[in-house]
Amino acid sequence: WRQDLDGEGSSAASASAALRIALPSDFSVDVSMVDLGTRIAGDELPTTMRLGASWHGQGGARLGLEGAAPLGAGSQIDWSAGMELPVASALTLRGGALMLAGNSSIQPTAGLSVAVSNWSVDFAYRAAGELGSTLHAGISLFSR
């Protein structure tokens, strides 16, 4: 994380953890904790719990729905839906929509993943939030 507002800046490091449970009939349930990390500008990062479900179709295509809420009293749920489509053996493209709590507008999201063996590098873009558009990058290790 890096935050710059009115000439003041601060940085923080964070990590995420996730668990996917495969269900019968090509469905799965995912739970994750996001932004487990250090303080930024003297404040805690907004640790968020996410819960989602997805359907896995032919050729590796996937459709998903997710709810996400920061931990703490009075948290509202952000909703997102999207699809994932493998376009090459190591490349997957994503597209979707995000509806932030308290805001009826739907914002576009997009991303891509490059996978080699049990590692992947992920990039995501979202055109929403108090500070405008955001770009995320991550590295994942999967057990097979």
C-alpha atoms as a PDB file:
ATOM      1  CA  TRP A   1       0.000   0.000   0.000  1.00  0.00           C
ATOM      2  CA  ARG A   2       1.081   3.591  -0.664  1.00  0.00           C
ATOM      3  CA  GLN A   3      -1.045   6.589   0.288  1.00  0.00           C
ATOM      4  CA  ASP A   4      -0.427  10.201  -0.785  1.00  0.00           C
ATOM      5  CA  LEU A   5      -2.907  12.919   0.222  1.00  0.00           C
ATOM      6  CA  ASP A   6      -2.280  16.664   0.314  1.00  0.00           C
ATOM      7  CA  GLY A   7       1.490  16.249   0.124  1.00  0.00           C
ATOM      8  CA  GLU A   8       1.605  13.733   2.985  1.00  0.00           C
ATOM      9  CA  GLY A   9       2.624  10.169   2.195  1.00  0.00           C
ATOM     10  CA  SER A  10       2.825   6.815   3.918  1.00  0.00           C
ATOM     11  CA  SER A  11       3.470   3.188   2.957  1.00  0.00           C
ATOM     12  CA  ALA A  12       2.531  -0.184   4.406  1.00  0.00           C
ATOM     13  CA  ALA A  13       3.024  -3.863   3.631  1.00  0.00           C
ATOM     14  CA  SER A  14       0.190  -6.382   3.637  1.00  0.00           C
ATOM     15  CA  ALA A  15      -0.582 -10.018   2.877  1.00  0.00           C
ATOM     16  CA  SER A  16      -3.701 -12.016   2.121  1.00  0.00           C
ATOM     17  CA  ALA A  17      -4.737 -15.603   2.823  1.00  0.00           C
ATOM     18  CA  ALA A  18      -7.398 -17.629   1.025  1.00  0.00           C
ATOM     19  CA  LEU A  19      -9.033 -21.035   1.064  1.00  0.00           C
ATOM     20  CA  ARG A  20     -10.982 -22.632  -1.804  1.00  0.00           C
ATOM     21  CA  ILE A  21     -13.312 -25.554  -1.139  1.00  0.00           C
ATOM     22  CA  ALA A  22     -14.334 -27.586  -4.183  1.00  0.00           C
ATOM     23  CA  LEU A  23     -17.952 -28.763  -4.183  1.00  0.00           C
ATOM     24  CA  PRO A  24     -19.749 -31.283  -6.433  1.00  0.00           C
ATOM     25  CA  SER A  25     -21.083 -30.187  -9.849  1.00  0.00           C
ATOM     26  CA  ASP A  26     -18.217 -27.801 -10.721  1.00  0.00           C
ATOM     27  CA  PHE A  27     -18.913 -25.304  -7.916  1.00  0.00           C
ATOM     28  CA  SER A  28     -16.503 -23.938  -5.325  1.00  0.00           C
ATOM     29  CA  VAL A  29     -16.669 -21.678  -2.276  1.00  0.00           C
ATOM     30  CA  ASP A  30     -13.854 -19.262  -1.432  1.00  0.00           C
ATOM     31  CA  VAL A  31     -13.084 -17.437   1.793  1.00  0.00           C
ATOM     32  CA  SER A  32     -10.226 -14.974   2.220  1.00  0.00           C
ATOM     33  CA  MET A  33      -8.791 -12.338   4.521  1.00  0.00           C
ATOM     34  CA  VAL A  34      -7.250  -9.378   2.689  1.00  0.00           C
ATOM     35  CA  ASP A  35      -4.825  -6.683   3.888  1.00  0.00           C
ATOM     36  CA  LEU A  36      -3.374  -8.361   6.945  1.00  0.00           C
ATOM     37  CA  GLY A  37      -0.520  -5.975   7.544  1.00  0.00           C
ATOM     38  CA  THR A  38       1.215  -2.997   9.042  1.00  0.00           C
ATOM     39  CA  ARG A  39      -0.136   0.465   9.787  1.00  0.00           C
ATOM     40  CA  ILE A  40      -0.417   3.186   7.138  1.00  0.00           C
ATOM     41  CA  ALA A  41      -0.256   6.839   8.225  1.00  0.00           C
ATOM     42  CA  GLY A  42      -0.806   5.682  11.832  1.00  0.00           C
ATOM     43  CA  ASP A  43      -4.004   3.753  11.020  1.00  0.00           C
ATOM     44  CA  GLU A  44      -4.670   0.032  10.683  1.00  0.00           C
ATOM     45  CA  LEU A  45      -5.151  -1.271   7.143  1.00  0.00           C
ATOM     46  CA  PRO A  46      -8.817  -2.095   6.495  1.00  0.00           C
ATOM     47  CA  THR A  47      -8.623  -5.891   6.907  1.00  0.00           C
ATOM     48  CA  THR A  48     -11.422  -7.304   4.777  1.00  0.00           C
ATOM     49  CA  MET A  49     -13.182 -10.677   4.810  1.00  0.00           C
ATOM     50  CA  ARG A  50     -14.379 -11.985   1.449  1.00  0.00           C
ATOM     51  CA  LEU A  51     -16.773 -14.849   0.789  1.00  0.00           C
ATOM     52  CA  GLY A  52     -17.577 -16.011  -2.714  1.00  0.00           C
ATOM     53  CA  ALA A  53     -18.914 -18.810  -4.845  1.00  0.00           C
ATOM     54  CA  SER A  54     -17.983 -19.773  -8.384  1.00  0.00           C
ATOM     55  CA  TRP A  55     -19.007 -22.141 -11.144  1.00  0.00           C
ATOM     56  CA  HIS A  56     -16.302 -23.728 -13.275  1.00  0.00           C
ATOM     57  CA  GLY A  57     -17.348 -24.325 -16.892  1.00  0.00           C
ATOM     58  CA  GLN A  58     -15.829 -25.960 -19.921  1.00  0.00           C
ATOM     59  CA  GLY A  59     -12.340 -24.957 -21.011  1.00  0.00           C
ATOM     60  CA  GLY A  60     -11.515 -23.420 -17.634  1.00  0.00           C
ATOM     61  CA  ALA A  61     -14.098 -20.605 -17.838  1.00  0.00           C
ATOM     62  CA  ARG A  62     -15.420 -19.489 -14.460  1.00  0.00           C
ATOM     63  CA  LEU A  63     -18.326 -17.309 -13.271  1.00  0.00           C
ATOM     64  CA  GLY A  64     -18.283 -15.909  -9.752  1.00  0.00           C
ATOM     65  CA  LEU A  65     -20.109 -13.819  -7.168  1.00  0.00           C
ATOM     66  CA  GLU A  66     -18.453 -12.355  -4.057  1.00  0.00           C
ATOM     67  CA  GLY A  67     -19.320 -10.299  -1.009  1.00  0.00           C
ATOM     68  CA  ALA A  68     -16.620  -8.356   0.860  1.00  0.00           C
ATOM     69  CA  ALA A  69     -16.785  -6.379   4.103  1.00  0.00           C
ATOM     70  CA  PRO A  70     -14.130  -4.727   6.282  1.00  0.00           C
ATOM     71  CA  LEU A  71     -13.929  -6.290   9.724  1.00  0.00           C
ATOM     72  CA  GLY A  72     -15.566  -4.209  12.431  1.00  0.00           C
ATOM     73  CA  ALA A  73     -18.917  -3.055  13.688  1.00  0.00           C
ATOM     74  CA  GLY A  74     -21.337  -1.590  11.164  1.00  0.00           C
ATOM     75  CA  SER A  75     -19.513  -2.863   8.078  1.00  0.00           C
ATOM     76  CA  GLN A  76     -21.454  -2.838   4.826  1.00  0.00           C
ATOM     77  CA  ILE A  77     -20.989  -5.426   2.092  1.00  0.00           C
ATOM     78  CA  ASP A  78     -19.492  -4.651  -1.330  1.00  0.00           C
ATOM     79  CA  TRP A  79     -20.700  -7.017  -4.075  1.00  0.00           C
ATOM     80  CA  SER A  80     -18.855  -8.118  -7.190  1.00  0.00           C
ATOM     81  CA  ALA A  81     -19.550 -10.483 -10.065  1.00  0.00           C
ATOM     82  CA  GLY A  82     -17.314 -11.528 -12.900  1.00  0.00           C
ATOM     83  CA  MET A  83     -15.977 -14.075 -15.272  1.00  0.00           C
ATOM     84  CA  GLU A  84     -12.575 -15.578 -15.941  1.00  0.00           C
ATOM     85  CA  LEU A  85     -11.528 -17.025 -19.295  1.00  0.00           C
ATOM     86  CA  PRO A  86      -8.248 -18.809 -20.094  1.00  0.00           C
ATOM     87  CA  VAL A  87      -6.968 -17.619 -23.477  1.00  0.00           C
ATOM     88  CA  ALA A  88      -3.638 -19.510 -23.554  1.00  0.00           C
ATOM     89  CA  SER A  89      -1.988 -22.209 -21.458  1.00  0.00           C
ATOM     90  CA  ALA A  90      -0.490 -19.633 -19.069  1.00  0.00           C
ATOM     91  CA  LEU A  91      -2.751 -16.574 -19.573  1.00  0.00           C
ATOM     92  CA  THR A  92      -6.196 -15.912 -18.080  1.00  0.00           C
ATOM     93  CA  LEU A  93      -8.277 -12.767 -18.613  1.00  0.00           C
ATOM     94  CA  ARG A  94     -10.924 -11.456 -16.205  1.00  0.00           C
ATOM     95  CA  GLY A  95     -13.760  -8.967 -16.403  1.00  0.00           C
ATOM     96  CA  GLY A  96     -16.510  -7.999 -14.037  1.00  0.00           C
ATOM     97  CA  ALA A  97     -18.495  -5.427 -12.143  1.00  0.00           C
ATOM     98  CA  LEU A  98     -18.320  -4.040  -8.602  1.00  0.00           C
ATOM     99  CA  MET A  99     -21.057  -2.376  -6.557  1.00  0.00           C
ATOM    100  CA  LEU A 100     -19.705  -0.609  -3.476  1.00  0.00           C
ATOM    101  CA  ALA A 101     -21.823  -0.480  -0.323  1.00  0.00           C
ATOM    102  CA  GLY A 102     -23.917   2.678  -0.157  1.00  0.00           C
ATOM    103  CA  ASN A 103     -23.393   3.399  -3.877  1.00  0.00           C
ATOM    104  CA  SER A 104     -25.868   2.178  -6.494  1.00  0.00           C
ATOM    105  CA  SER A 105     -23.497   2.667  -9.453  1.00  0.00           C
ATOM    106  CA  ILE A 106     -21.747  -0.346 -10.946  1.00  0.00           C
ATOM    107  CA  GLN A 107     -18.015   0.008 -11.638  1.00  0.00           C
ATOM    108  CA  PRO A 108     -16.045  -2.077 -14.194  1.00  0.00           C
ATOM    109  CA  THR A 109     -13.171  -4.350 -13.194  1.00  0.00           C
ATOM    110  CA  ALA A 110     -10.572  -6.130 -15.329  1.00  0.00           C
ATOM    111  CA  GLY A 111      -7.556  -8.310 -14.760  1.00  0.00           C
ATOM    112  CA  LEU A 112      -5.149 -10.905 -16.030  1.00  0.00           C
ATOM    113  CA  SER A 113      -3.139 -13.755 -14.592  1.00  0.00           C
ATOM    114  CA  VAL A 114       0.035 -15.393 -15.861  1.00  0.00           C
ATOM    115  CA  ALA A 115       0.578 -18.874 -14.394  1.00  0.00           C
ATOM    116  CA  VAL A 116       3.631 -21.114 -14.452  1.00  0.00           C
ATOM    117  CA  SER A 117       3.622 -24.425 -12.587  1.00  0.00           C
ATOM    118  CA  ASN A 118       1.945 -23.733  -9.224  1.00  0.00           C
ATOM    119  CA  TRP A 119       2.730 -19.966  -9.226  1.00  0.00           C
ATOM    120  CA  SER A 120       0.741 -17.098 -10.705  1.00  0.00           C
ATOM    121  CA  VAL A 121       1.268 -13.369 -11.093  1.00  0.00           C
ATOM    122  CA  ASP A 122      -1.975 -11.397 -11.067  1.00  0.00           C
ATOM    123  CA  PHE A 123      -2.874  -7.860 -12.105  1.00  0.00           C
ATOM    124  CA  ALA A 124      -6.266  -6.228 -11.520  1.00  0.00           C
ATOM    125  CA  TYR A 125      -7.839  -2.841 -12.274  1.00  0.00           C
ATOM    126  CA  ARG A 126     -10.921  -1.370 -10.688  1.00  0.00           C
ATOM    127  CA  ALA A 127     -12.505   1.956 -11.577  1.00  0.00           C
ATOM    128  CA  ALA A 128     -14.027   2.644  -8.157  1.00  0.00           C
ATOM    129  CA  GLY A 129     -13.288   3.918  -4.693  1.00  0.00           C
ATOM    130  CA  GLU A 130     -12.846   7.153  -2.818  1.00  0.00           C
ATOM    131  CA  LEU A 131      -9.427   7.761  -4.371  1.00  0.00           C
ATOM    132  CA  GLY A 132     -10.459   6.778  -7.901  1.00  0.00           C
ATOM    133  CA  SER A 133      -9.156   3.925 -10.020  1.00  0.00           C
ATOM    134  CA  THR A 134      -6.816   1.389  -8.458  1.00  0.00           C
ATOM    135  CA  LEU A 135      -4.337  -1.147  -9.810  1.00  0.00           C
ATOM    136  CA  HIS A 136      -3.462  -4.266  -7.803  1.00  0.00           C
ATOM    137  CA  ALA A 137      -0.644  -6.766  -8.320  1.00  0.00           C
ATOM    138  CA  GLY A 138      -0.080 -10.057  -6.526  1.00  0.00           C
ATOM    139  CA  ILE A 139       1.844 -13.314  -6.545  1.00  0.00           C
ATOM    140  CA  SER A 140       0.116 -16.588  -5.604  1.00  0.00           C
ATOM    141  CA  LEU A 141       1.379 -20.060  -4.754  1.00  0.00           C
ATOM    142  CA  PHE A 142      -1.073 -22.944  -5.111  1.00  0.00           C
ATOM    143  CA  SER A 143      -0.868 -26.432  -3.656  1.00  0.00           C
ATOM    144  CA  ARG A 144      -1.995 -29.087  -6.088  1.00  0.00           C
END
